[in-house]
Amino acid sequence: MATEKEVGAVLGQPTKGRRDDGVLPGSAQCTYVNAAAKGRIVFIALLPFEVSRQTKPGTLPVAGVGDVALYDEASIGGHLYVRKGSVNFAVNYAFDPLTPGIPDQHSSQIRDHLETLARAIVSRL
């Protein structure tokens, strides 16, 4: 769904690679890690449910990304849930705050990176 270059922009470094994981029946997830420093990770997952305003209470609507997009801030990253047509997916960023060399990122930076990645994915759907 995304190129390693697009994911590397979220991580701040080139990606080390991708691992394909099956999470739930009927879903798929790719996991990307940072090549230069451990402790950062991006997950991109196809979702087996429709993203709607009721997907997760407390999420913030995001304009200009797919038909419906919702952002969920986390203390160690962020989650962006997107629906474009019949495709539902999530892009998630997480970091380990105890890993040396991980710079602090403001939640707005994380959100901006996830929105940019989601827009790139949506453009190919």
Protein backbone atom coordinates (compact mmCIF):
# COMPACT_ATOMS: atom_id res chain seq x y z
CA MET A 1 0.00 0.00 0.00
CA ALA A 2 2.97 2.32 0.58
CA THR A 3 6.53 2.58 -0.64
CA GLU A 4 9.48 2.27 1.71
CA LYS A 5 10.40 5.87 0.84
CA GLU A 6 6.95 7.10 1.96
CA VAL A 7 7.18 5.16 5.21
CA GLY A 8 10.78 6.33 5.71
CA ALA A 9 9.50 9.92 5.71
CA VAL A 10 7.33 9.06 8.73
CA LEU A 11 10.19 7.30 10.51
CA GLY A 12 12.70 10.04 9.75
CA GLN A 13 15.13 7.47 8.30
CA PRO A 14 15.04 4.85 5.56
CA THR A 15 13.08 1.78 6.51
CA LYS A 16 14.82 -1.47 7.35
CA GLY A 17 12.19 -3.51 5.64
CA ARG A 18 8.70 -4.76 5.78
CA ARG A 19 7.18 -7.72 7.54
CA ASP A 20 3.76 -8.89 6.42
CA ASP A 21 1.57 -10.03 9.28
CA GLY A 22 -1.93 -11.44 9.33
CA VAL A 23 -3.63 -9.82 12.30
CA LEU A 24 -7.31 -10.64 12.01
CA PRO A 25 -9.10 -12.97 9.62
CA GLY A 26 -9.68 -11.07 6.38
CA SER A 27 -7.11 -8.40 7.21
CA ALA A 28 -3.45 -7.79 6.45
CA GLN A 29 -0.80 -5.70 8.13
CA CYS A 30 2.67 -4.57 7.10
CA THR A 31 5.19 -3.54 9.74
CA TYR A 32 8.04 -1.17 8.92
CA VAL A 33 10.99 -0.40 11.21
CA ASN A 34 13.72 2.23 11.20
CA ALA A 35 17.06 1.11 9.73
CA ALA A 36 19.23 3.53 11.72
CA ALA A 37 17.73 3.32 15.20
CA LYS A 38 15.48 0.85 16.88
CA GLY A 39 12.42 2.05 18.66
CA ARG A 40 10.32 3.48 15.80
CA ILE A 41 7.72 1.53 13.90
CA VAL A 42 4.96 2.10 11.35
CA PHE A 43 2.07 -0.31 10.84
CA ILE A 44 -0.22 -0.18 7.83
CA ALA A 45 -3.23 -2.44 8.09
CA LEU A 46 -6.25 -3.25 5.97
CA LEU A 47 -9.23 -3.26 8.30
CA PRO A 48 -12.03 -5.84 8.29
CA PHE A 49 -14.59 -3.19 9.30
CA GLU A 50 -15.85 0.07 7.84
CA VAL A 51 -14.29 3.25 9.16
CA SER A 52 -17.05 5.63 10.21
CA ARG A 53 -17.52 8.45 12.69
CA GLN A 54 -18.39 5.79 15.27
CA THR A 55 -15.24 3.69 14.70
CA LYS A 56 -13.56 4.89 17.87
CA PRO A 57 -14.98 7.50 20.23
CA GLY A 58 -12.65 10.41 20.91
CA THR A 59 -11.00 10.45 17.50
CA LEU A 60 -10.62 13.70 15.58
CA PRO A 61 -11.97 14.03 12.03
CA VAL A 62 -9.34 14.73 9.37
CA ALA A 63 -10.36 16.59 6.21
CA GLY A 64 -8.95 15.81 2.79
CA VAL A 65 -7.94 12.21 3.38
CA GLY A 66 -10.26 9.66 1.75
CA ASP A 67 -14.01 9.61 2.34
CA VAL A 68 -13.66 9.39 6.13
CA ALA A 69 -10.49 9.84 8.18
CA LEU A 70 -10.13 9.86 11.95
CA TYR A 71 -7.02 10.59 14.00
CA ASP A 72 -6.37 9.07 17.40
CA GLU A 73 -3.49 10.56 19.38
CA ALA A 74 -1.51 8.17 21.54
CA SER A 75 1.11 8.93 24.16
CA ILE A 76 3.73 7.06 22.12
CA GLY A 77 2.56 7.83 18.58
CA GLY A 78 -0.69 8.08 16.69
CA HIS A 79 -3.29 6.21 14.63
CA LEU A 80 -5.10 7.34 11.51
CA TYR A 81 -8.15 5.35 10.36
CA VAL A 82 -9.22 5.90 6.74
CA ARG A 83 -12.02 4.81 4.43
CA LYS A 84 -11.78 5.40 0.68
CA GLY A 85 -14.63 3.76 -1.22
CA SER A 86 -14.79 0.17 0.00
CA VAL A 87 -11.19 0.12 1.29
CA ASN A 88 -10.65 0.65 5.01
CA PHE A 89 -7.14 0.94 6.44
CA ALA A 90 -5.13 2.31 9.32
CA VAL A 91 -1.68 3.87 9.43
CA ASN A 92 -0.09 3.79 12.86
CA TYR A 93 3.16 5.20 14.20
CA ALA A 94 4.69 4.20 17.51
CA PHE A 95 7.98 4.89 19.23
CA ASP A 96 9.66 3.61 22.36
CA PRO A 97 10.33 6.68 24.53
CA LEU A 98 13.01 4.76 26.46
CA THR A 99 15.12 3.97 23.39
CA PRO A 100 18.23 6.18 23.22
CA GLY A 101 18.41 8.49 20.23
CA ILE A 102 14.67 8.83 19.64
CA PRO A 103 13.99 12.55 19.37
CA ASP A 104 10.85 13.97 20.85
CA GLN A 105 8.15 14.54 18.30
CA HIS A 106 5.14 16.72 18.83
CA SER A 107 1.80 15.07 18.24
CA SER A 108 1.13 17.55 15.40
CA GLN A 109 4.27 16.33 13.59
CA ILE A 110 3.19 12.71 13.95
CA ARG A 111 -0.27 13.54 12.70
CA ASP A 112 1.13 15.47 9.71
CA HIS A 113 3.37 12.53 8.76
CA LEU A 114 0.52 10.03 9.03
CA GLU A 115 -1.79 12.25 6.97
CA THR A 116 0.84 12.57 4.24
CA LEU A 117 1.32 8.79 4.17
CA ALA A 118 -2.44 8.16 4.10
CA ARG A 119 -2.90 10.64 1.24
CA ALA A 120 -0.25 8.78 -0.77
CA ILE A 121 -2.05 5.48 -0.16
CA VAL A 122 -5.45 6.97 -1.03
CA SER A 123 -4.05 8.39 -4.29
CA ARG A 124 -3.41 4.83 -5.48
CA LEU A 125 -6.83 3.44 -4.58
